Protein backbone atom coordinates (compact mmCIF):
# COMPACT_ATOMS: atom_id res chain seq x y z
CA MET A 1 158.00 97.96 55.15
CA ASN A 2 160.11 98.73 52.12
CA ARG A 3 158.43 99.74 48.88
CA LEU A 4 160.13 100.09 45.50
CA GLY A 5 159.31 102.79 42.97
CA ILE A 6 160.58 102.79 39.39
CA ASP A 7 160.33 105.34 36.60
CA ILE A 8 159.34 104.05 33.14
CA GLY A 9 160.98 106.14 30.41
CA ARG A 10 164.68 105.41 29.88
CA VAL A 11 164.61 103.12 32.94
CA ILE A 12 162.28 100.40 31.61
CA ILE A 13 161.46 101.53 28.07
CA ALA A 14 164.65 102.57 26.27
CA GLY A 15 164.95 106.03 24.84
CA GLY A 16 165.59 106.57 21.18
CA SER A 17 169.01 106.29 19.60
CA GLY A 18 169.24 110.05 19.32
CA PRO A 19 167.32 113.30 19.69
CA GLY A 20 165.50 112.68 16.39
CA ASP A 21 164.15 109.25 17.34
CA THR A 22 160.61 109.94 18.51
CA SER A 23 158.90 106.75 17.30
CA PHE A 24 157.69 105.98 20.81
CA PHE A 25 155.97 109.35 21.06
CA SER A 26 154.85 110.11 17.52
CA GLY A 27 155.25 106.95 15.44
CA ASP A 28 152.52 104.47 14.70
CA THR A 29 151.65 101.71 17.16
CA THR A 30 153.86 99.13 15.44
CA ALA A 31 156.89 101.42 15.63
CA MET A 32 156.12 102.30 19.24
CA LEU A 33 155.88 98.65 20.24
CA ARG A 34 159.28 98.00 18.61
CA THR A 35 160.92 100.44 21.04
CA PRO A 36 163.30 98.22 23.01
CA ALA A 37 163.47 97.65 26.71
CA VAL A 38 166.43 98.99 28.65
CA PRO A 39 168.99 96.15 28.67
CA GLY A 40 168.59 93.84 31.66
CA ASP A 41 165.59 95.67 33.11
CA PHE A 42 162.98 92.89 33.21
CA ASP A 43 165.35 90.41 34.87
CA ALA A 44 166.80 92.87 37.40
CA ILE A 45 163.34 94.13 38.36
CA ALA A 46 162.06 90.54 38.67
CA ARG A 47 164.89 89.82 41.12
CA LEU A 48 164.25 92.98 43.16
CA VAL A 49 160.45 92.87 43.41
CA PRO A 50 160.28 89.91 45.87
CA LEU A 51 162.54 91.82 48.27
CA PHE A 52 159.93 94.55 48.74
CA ALA A 53 156.46 94.61 50.29
CA GLU A 54 155.23 96.40 47.12
CA ALA A 55 156.64 97.72 43.87
CA TRP A 56 155.20 100.58 41.81
CA LEU A 57 155.85 102.34 38.53
CA VAL A 58 155.68 106.13 38.83
CA SER A 59 156.10 108.10 35.62
CA LYS A 60 155.71 111.67 34.35
CA CYS A 61 153.94 111.92 31.00
CA GLY A 62 150.83 113.23 29.32
CA PRO A 63 147.73 111.17 28.50
CA ARG A 64 148.92 109.94 25.07
CA VAL A 65 152.27 108.70 26.38
CA GLN A 66 150.52 107.21 29.43
CA GLU A 67 148.41 105.11 27.04
CA ARG A 68 151.43 104.17 24.95
CA SER A 69 153.47 103.26 28.02
CA LEU A 70 150.76 100.95 29.34
CA GLU A 71 150.29 99.40 25.89
CA TRP A 72 154.05 98.80 25.60
CA LEU A 73 154.24 97.27 29.09
CA ARG A 74 151.31 94.92 28.36
CA HIS A 75 152.61 93.99 24.89
CA HIS A 76 156.03 93.09 26.27
CA ARG A 77 154.45 91.18 29.20
CA PHE A 78 156.32 93.38 31.67
CA PHE A 79 153.91 92.76 34.55
CA GLU A 80 153.96 88.97 34.16
CA HIS A 81 157.73 88.87 33.90
CA THR A 82 158.58 91.20 36.78
CA GLY A 83 155.82 90.43 39.27
CA ILE A 84 154.72 94.06 39.57
CA PRO A 85 150.89 94.09 39.54
CA ALA A 86 149.43 95.82 36.45
CA GLY A 87 147.44 98.10 38.76
CA ASN A 88 150.57 99.43 40.45
CA VAL A 89 151.18 102.29 38.02
CA ARG A 90 150.90 105.99 38.81
CA PHE A 91 151.27 108.86 36.36
CA CYS A 92 151.76 112.58 36.90
CA LEU A 93 152.08 115.56 34.59
CA ARG A 94 155.11 117.19 36.22
CA ARG A 95 158.27 115.52 37.53
CA PRO A 96 158.15 117.10 41.02
CA GLU A 97 154.70 115.49 41.48
CA LYS A 98 156.45 112.13 41.76
CA ALA A 99 157.22 113.11 45.35
CA ILE A 100 153.47 113.26 46.08
CA HIS A 101 152.99 109.73 44.73
CA CYS A 102 156.04 108.45 46.62
CA ALA A 103 154.74 109.90 49.89
CA ASP A 104 151.25 108.54 49.26
CA LEU A 105 152.55 105.05 48.46
CA GLY A 106 155.22 104.95 51.17
CA ILE A 107 158.01 104.43 48.63
CA THR A 108 161.33 103.83 50.38
CA HIS A 109 163.55 103.11 47.34
CA PHE A 110 163.15 104.90 43.99
CA VAL A 111 164.93 104.52 40.63
CA ASP A 112 164.84 107.43 38.16
CA ASP A 113 167.07 108.73 35.37
CA LYS A 114 166.47 112.42 36.11
CA ALA A 115 168.48 114.31 38.72
CA ASP A 116 165.64 116.81 39.25
CA VAL A 117 163.30 113.95 40.24
CA ILE A 118 165.89 112.59 42.66
CA ALA A 119 166.12 116.07 44.20
CA ALA A 120 162.32 116.44 44.39
CA ILE A 121 161.79 113.09 46.15
CA THR A 122 164.70 113.48 48.59
CA PRO A 123 162.49 114.69 51.48
CA VAL A 124 160.16 111.65 51.23
CA VAL A 125 162.25 108.74 49.84
CA PRO A 126 165.22 107.59 51.93
CA TYR A 127 166.95 105.58 49.18
CA ARG A 128 167.22 107.16 45.74
CA TYR A 129 169.04 105.84 42.70
CA LEU A 130 170.02 107.98 39.71
CA PHE A 131 169.72 105.38 36.98
CA LYS A 132 172.57 104.64 34.59
CA ASP A 133 172.17 100.89 34.01
CA TRP A 134 170.45 97.99 35.73
CA GLU A 135 173.59 96.17 36.84
CA THR A 136 174.79 99.17 38.86
CA THR A 137 171.30 100.02 40.13
CA GLU A 138 170.48 96.48 41.25
CA ALA A 139 173.80 96.24 43.11
CA ALA A 140 173.16 99.57 44.89
CA VAL A 141 169.63 98.56 45.93
CA LEU A 142 170.85 95.19 47.23
CA GLN A 143 173.66 96.87 49.16
CA ASP A 144 171.21 99.28 50.81
CA LEU A 145 168.77 96.48 51.69
CA GLN A 146 171.61 94.44 53.19
CA ALA A 147 172.89 97.40 55.22
CA GLU A 148 169.38 98.12 56.44
CA ARG A 149 168.95 94.47 57.54
CA ALA A 150 172.33 94.50 59.31
CA ALA A 151 171.41 97.69 61.17
CA ARG A 152 168.17 96.10 62.41
CA VAL A 153 169.96 92.98 63.61
CA GLY A 154 172.92 94.84 65.13
């Protein structure tokens, strides 16, 4: 059974416009909630989720950013729009710990914007996607799912 894992920061919630834009991390709640989504993320994720037995968010951040991330996701109705259950969120304090969550959850496909995470999950996640944009990522995931299906049939 295939299971999808997705990072949150800079994959779902857009990063700031530059190194000085920290409103998501240090601004007030109103400023944090104004942080935009990554272009095309909700729609692409909503199309991918039904193709998997389960989908999970797995993110590295401390307690304050965990709270802010969940608040942002709820405020923007992420869970309703994408079909990922609100309870399917895991957090860790160090990026390499994502591999532990992926192994525990049986994640087969994972999207992350950090090369060190991709390296850390390589032993446990067969399909890994270094995120650049959702159009490219969605196409790569669909291609891998199609190849996997063809291999089972052939």
